[in-house]
Amino acid sequence: MTQETDRLFAQPLPQIPDFVFNEAVVRVFPDMIKRSVPGYPTIVENIGVLAAQFAQPHSVLYDLGCSLGAVTQALRRHVQTPDCRVIAVDNSSAMVERCTEYLHAQDSMFQELLPVEVLEADILDLVLQPASLVALNFTLQFIQPEQRLGLLARIRQSLLPGGALILSEKLRFADDEEQALLTDLHIAFKRANGYSELEIAQKRNAIENVMKPDSLGQHRERLLAAGFSKVVPWFQCLNFASLIALP
């Protein structure tokens, strides 16, 4: 389970392919996301804290788009509700394999953790069980825009009364000056974490056709259209935010 420094875009690439969550990304993912997403550790740990307030006995907690299972591990650290279980889902076989290894390591360090099942599946095709908590942590932005409402509606239908969806996303801003300012500040964050101008530019080119951020207003409108009754932003750092959506 060696974690490597992210150097994927450190050398000039003759052609920049679209970003994919392959084995090369998996090897450096913990370093990549820590250096690229402001507030990421705070978001992940507090999803566990928030989940403990919504988790109900005899229900499922979902981590959809689980990548290496950071949110799943936080859920297991903080949720002590009886007879809960976690289902972690990702469509990348490399992510699922490494996620399973990390969770086995967590099992060896702690006792009486929530049981967890890791599935390799497309969350768009997943049949959702009754759930008290669903986490979409920087996942929806990789779903095609026209498929997002349908996914959120299915999540809403699966949620038990008193449950919650926690949605974390990169934001875009309708105001051009606000968008430019926060983009510049995010680039400064990456520079401060050791990324070169070449790395920043090549990563941006690789991901721009894959990740399509929405504005906070678009998220709110879509969540309400999906059947949620209330949308509460609980965290924002630069152009990254997390919301709680209540049924």
Protein backbone atom coordinates (compact mmCIF):
# COMPACT_ATOMS: atom_id res chain seq x y z
CA MET A 1 0.00 0.00 0.00
CA THR A 2 2.82 2.35 -0.87
CA GLN A 3 1.74 5.97 -1.39
CA GLU A 4 3.74 7.86 -3.97
CA THR A 5 4.19 11.56 -4.67
CA ASP A 6 2.07 12.82 -7.55
CA ARG A 7 4.41 13.42 -10.48
CA LEU A 8 2.02 12.31 -13.23
CA PHE A 9 2.13 15.63 -15.07
CA ALA A 10 5.64 16.75 -14.11
CA GLN A 11 7.15 16.10 -17.55
CA PRO A 12 5.92 17.60 -20.84
CA LEU A 13 3.45 15.25 -22.51
CA PRO A 14 3.25 15.24 -26.33
CA GLN A 15 -0.47 14.50 -26.08
CA ILE A 16 -2.57 14.87 -22.95
CA PRO A 17 -5.22 12.14 -22.62
CA ASP A 18 -8.42 12.61 -20.67
CA PHE A 19 -8.01 11.97 -16.96
CA VAL A 20 -8.94 8.45 -15.82
CA PHE A 21 -8.82 6.76 -12.42
CA ASN A 22 -6.32 4.09 -13.45
CA GLU A 23 -3.55 2.32 -11.56
CA ALA A 24 -1.13 5.21 -12.07
CA VAL A 25 -3.59 7.65 -10.48
CA VAL A 26 -4.41 5.21 -7.67
CA ARG A 27 -0.74 5.03 -6.65
CA VAL A 28 -0.54 8.80 -6.14
CA PHE A 29 -4.17 9.60 -5.33
CA PRO A 30 -3.79 10.38 -1.60
CA ASP A 31 -1.01 12.87 -2.38
CA MET A 32 -2.83 14.25 -5.42
CA ILE A 33 -6.11 15.01 -3.69
CA LYS A 34 -4.46 16.43 -0.55
CA ARG A 35 -2.43 18.86 -2.67
CA SER A 36 -5.27 19.68 -5.09
CA VAL A 37 -8.46 20.01 -3.04
CA PRO A 38 -8.45 22.69 -0.32
CA GLY A 39 -10.14 21.47 2.83
CA TYR A 40 -10.29 17.83 1.72
CA PRO A 41 -9.17 16.26 5.03
CA THR A 42 -11.64 18.44 6.94
CA ILE A 43 -14.50 17.47 4.63
CA VAL A 44 -13.75 13.76 4.87
CA GLU A 45 -13.39 13.60 8.63
CA ASN A 46 -16.49 15.69 9.22
CA ILE A 47 -18.60 13.57 6.88
CA GLY A 48 -18.04 10.87 9.49
CA VAL A 49 -19.06 13.27 12.28
CA LEU A 50 -22.17 14.40 10.40
CA ALA A 51 -23.10 10.85 9.44
CA ALA A 52 -23.22 9.87 13.10
CA GLN A 53 -26.12 12.33 13.50
CA PHE A 54 -28.16 10.77 10.69
CA ALA A 55 -27.28 7.06 10.81
CA GLN A 56 -30.21 4.88 11.84
CA PRO A 57 -30.24 1.31 13.18
CA HIS A 58 -30.62 -1.49 10.61
CA SER A 59 -29.82 0.79 7.66
CA VAL A 60 -27.19 1.20 4.97
CA LEU A 61 -24.66 4.03 4.70
CA TYR A 62 -23.50 4.56 1.11
CA ASP A 63 -20.15 5.94 -0.07
CA LEU A 64 -20.83 6.39 -3.79
CA GLY A 65 -17.70 6.98 -5.84
CA CYS A 66 -15.64 5.83 -2.88
CA SER A 67 -12.19 5.95 -4.59
CA LEU A 68 -9.75 4.72 -1.91
CA GLY A 69 -12.39 4.68 0.81
CA ALA A 70 -11.43 7.76 2.82
CA VAL A 71 -15.09 8.58 3.52
CA THR A 72 -15.87 4.95 4.31
CA GLN A 73 -13.07 4.91 6.86
CA ALA A 74 -14.43 8.13 8.42
CA LEU A 75 -17.91 6.62 8.61
CA ARG A 76 -16.52 3.58 10.39
CA ARG A 77 -14.55 5.74 12.84
CA HIS A 78 -17.48 7.89 13.88
CA VAL A 79 -20.75 5.98 13.41
CA GLN A 80 -21.62 3.69 16.29
CA THR A 81 -25.30 3.18 15.52
CA PRO A 82 -26.20 -0.50 15.96
CA ASP A 83 -26.70 -2.76 12.93
CA CYS A 84 -25.55 -0.19 10.36
CA ARG A 85 -23.36 -1.25 7.48
CA VAL A 86 -21.43 0.64 4.82
CA ILE A 87 -21.58 -0.05 1.10
CA ALA A 88 -18.72 1.59 -0.79
CA VAL A 89 -19.00 1.72 -4.58
CA ASP A 90 -16.61 2.73 -7.35
CA ASN A 91 -16.40 1.91 -11.06
CA SER A 92 -12.57 1.84 -11.13
CA SER A 93 -11.20 -1.66 -10.55
CA ALA A 94 -7.86 -0.20 -9.48
CA MET A 95 -9.58 2.00 -6.87
CA VAL A 96 -11.72 -0.87 -5.58
CA GLU A 97 -8.72 -3.15 -5.17
CA ARG A 98 -6.70 -0.58 -3.23
CA CYS A 99 -9.75 0.55 -1.22
CA THR A 100 -10.27 -3.03 -0.07
CA GLU A 101 -6.64 -3.22 1.06
CA TYR A 102 -6.96 0.01 3.06
CA LEU A 103 -10.14 -1.18 4.76
CA HIS A 104 -8.52 -4.47 5.72
CA ALA A 105 -5.69 -2.44 7.27
CA GLN A 106 -8.26 -0.37 9.19
CA ASP A 107 -9.84 -3.60 10.46
CA SER A 108 -6.50 -4.67 11.87
CA MET A 109 -6.11 -1.43 13.84
CA PHE A 110 -9.61 -1.01 15.28
CA GLN A 111 -12.22 -3.24 16.82
CA GLU A 112 -16.00 -3.20 16.46
CA LEU A 113 -16.07 -1.20 13.23
CA LEU A 114 -19.13 -1.11 11.02
CA PRO A 115 -19.14 -3.92 8.46
CA VAL A 116 -18.38 -2.75 4.95
CA GLU A 117 -18.93 -4.13 1.46
CA VAL A 118 -16.88 -2.74 -1.43
CA LEU A 119 -18.49 -3.03 -4.86
CA GLU A 120 -17.06 -2.40 -8.31
CA ALA A 121 -20.08 -0.97 -10.10
CA ASP A 122 -21.45 2.03 -11.96
CA ILE A 123 -23.48 4.01 -9.43
CA LEU A 124 -25.89 4.94 -12.25
CA ASP A 125 -26.88 1.26 -12.49
CA LEU A 126 -26.90 0.53 -8.78
CA VAL A 127 -30.11 -0.63 -7.09
CA LEU A 128 -30.07 1.38 -3.87
CA GLN A 129 -31.20 -0.16 -0.60
CA PRO A 130 -32.99 1.85 2.11
CA ALA A 131 -30.30 4.19 3.44
CA SER A 132 -29.99 6.69 6.25
CA LEU A 133 -26.87 8.35 4.82
CA VAL A 134 -25.50 8.71 1.30
CA ALA A 135 -22.16 10.40 0.60
CA LEU A 136 -21.28 11.68 -2.86
CA ASN A 137 -17.83 13.09 -2.20
CA PHE A 138 -16.50 14.78 -5.37
CA THR A 139 -18.33 12.20 -7.49
CA LEU A 140 -21.32 13.93 -9.09
CA GLN A 141 -19.01 16.26 -11.05
CA PHE A 142 -17.77 13.24 -13.03
CA ILE A 143 -21.30 12.16 -13.98
CA GLN A 144 -22.67 13.46 -17.28
CA PRO A 145 -24.78 16.57 -16.50
CA GLU A 146 -27.94 15.13 -18.06
CA GLN A 147 -27.69 12.06 -15.78
CA ARG A 148 -27.25 13.92 -12.48
CA LEU A 149 -30.91 14.65 -11.70
CA GLY A 150 -31.92 11.02 -12.21
CA LEU A 151 -29.20 9.79 -9.87
CA LEU A 152 -30.12 12.30 -7.18
CA ALA A 153 -33.81 11.40 -7.50
CA ARG A 154 -32.99 7.71 -6.96
CA ILE A 155 -30.88 8.61 -3.94
CA ARG A 156 -33.75 10.69 -2.55
CA GLN A 157 -36.15 7.79 -3.02
CA SER A 158 -33.78 5.43 -1.19
CA LEU A 159 -33.33 7.70 1.84
CA LEU A 160 -35.19 6.87 5.02
CA PRO A 161 -37.10 9.65 6.81
CA GLY A 162 -34.54 11.53 8.88
CA GLY A 163 -31.68 10.50 6.61
CA ALA A 164 -29.39 12.76 4.58
CA LEU A 165 -27.28 13.10 1.46
CA ILE A 166 -23.87 14.74 1.86
CA LEU A 167 -22.70 16.15 -1.46
CA SER A 168 -19.19 17.57 -1.91
CA GLU A 169 -18.25 19.24 -5.21
CA LYS A 170 -15.95 21.68 -6.91
CA LEU A 171 -17.98 24.80 -7.70
CA ARG A 172 -18.08 27.13 -10.63
CA PHE A 173 -19.43 30.65 -10.28
CA ALA A 174 -21.88 32.57 -12.46
CA ASP A 175 -20.06 35.85 -11.83
CA ASP A 176 -17.01 35.99 -14.12
CA GLU A 177 -14.91 38.02 -11.68
CA GLU A 178 -15.72 35.68 -8.81
CA GLN A 179 -14.90 32.68 -10.99
CA ALA A 180 -11.57 34.21 -12.06
CA LEU A 181 -10.62 35.15 -8.49
CA LEU A 182 -11.32 31.73 -7.01
CA THR A 183 -9.64 29.97 -9.94
CA ASP A 184 -6.51 32.05 -9.36
CA LEU A 185 -6.62 31.33 -5.64
CA HIS A 186 -6.99 27.60 -6.29
CA ILE A 187 -3.95 27.71 -8.58
CA ALA A 188 -2.05 29.52 -5.82
CA PHE A 189 -3.07 26.72 -3.44
CA LYS A 190 -1.61 24.16 -5.83
CA ARG A 191 1.60 26.15 -6.24
CA ALA A 192 1.94 26.37 -2.47
CA ASN A 193 1.67 22.58 -2.37
CA GLY A 194 4.56 22.13 -4.76
CA TYR A 195 2.91 21.79 -8.17
CA SER A 196 4.71 23.46 -11.06
CA GLU A 197 3.03 25.61 -13.71
CA LEU A 198 3.49 22.72 -16.16
CA GLU A 199 1.82 20.24 -13.82
CA ILE A 200 -1.08 22.60 -13.16
CA ALA A 201 -1.63 23.30 -16.86
CA GLN A 202 -1.37 19.68 -18.01
CA LYS A 203 -3.66 18.40 -15.25
CA ARG A 204 -6.21 21.09 -16.13
CA ASN A 205 -6.14 20.01 -19.78
CA ALA A 206 -6.52 16.35 -18.81
CA ILE A 207 -9.52 16.88 -16.56
CA GLU A 208 -11.49 19.66 -18.25
CA ASN A 209 -13.43 17.26 -20.53
CA VAL A 210 -14.07 14.80 -17.69
CA MET A 211 -15.09 16.94 -14.72
CA LYS A 212 -17.96 19.40 -15.22
CA PRO A 213 -18.60 21.51 -12.09
CA ASP A 214 -21.90 23.20 -11.32
CA SER A 215 -22.69 26.38 -9.43
CA LEU A 216 -24.08 26.29 -5.90
CA GLY A 217 -27.38 27.53 -7.32
CA GLN A 218 -27.51 24.70 -9.84
CA HIS A 219 -26.84 22.15 -7.12
CA ARG A 220 -29.59 23.60 -4.95
CA GLU A 221 -32.14 23.70 -7.78
CA ARG A 222 -31.33 20.15 -8.88
CA LEU A 223 -31.51 18.74 -5.36
CA LEU A 224 -34.90 20.38 -4.81
CA ALA A 225 -36.08 19.07 -8.19
CA ALA A 226 -34.94 15.59 -7.12
CA GLY A 227 -37.30 15.78 -4.15
CA PHE A 228 -35.10 17.02 -1.32
CA SER A 229 -36.80 19.50 1.00
CA LYS A 230 -33.80 21.46 2.25
CA VAL A 231 -30.22 22.06 1.11
CA VAL A 232 -27.74 23.34 3.70
CA PRO A 233 -24.15 24.28 2.77
CA TRP A 234 -21.94 23.30 5.70
CA PHE A 235 -18.42 23.83 4.33
CA GLN A 236 -16.62 25.86 1.68
CA CYS A 237 -12.92 26.45 1.06
CA LEU A 238 -12.16 28.46 -2.08
CA ASN A 239 -14.08 26.79 -4.94
CA PHE A 240 -14.80 23.51 -3.11
CA ALA A 241 -17.92 23.01 -1.00
CA SER A 242 -20.01 20.41 0.75
CA LEU A 243 -23.78 20.39 1.26
CA ILE A 244 -26.29 18.48 3.34
CA ALA A 245 -29.54 17.64 1.48
CA LEU A 246 -32.49 16.52 3.60
CA PRO A 247 -35.46 14.47 2.37
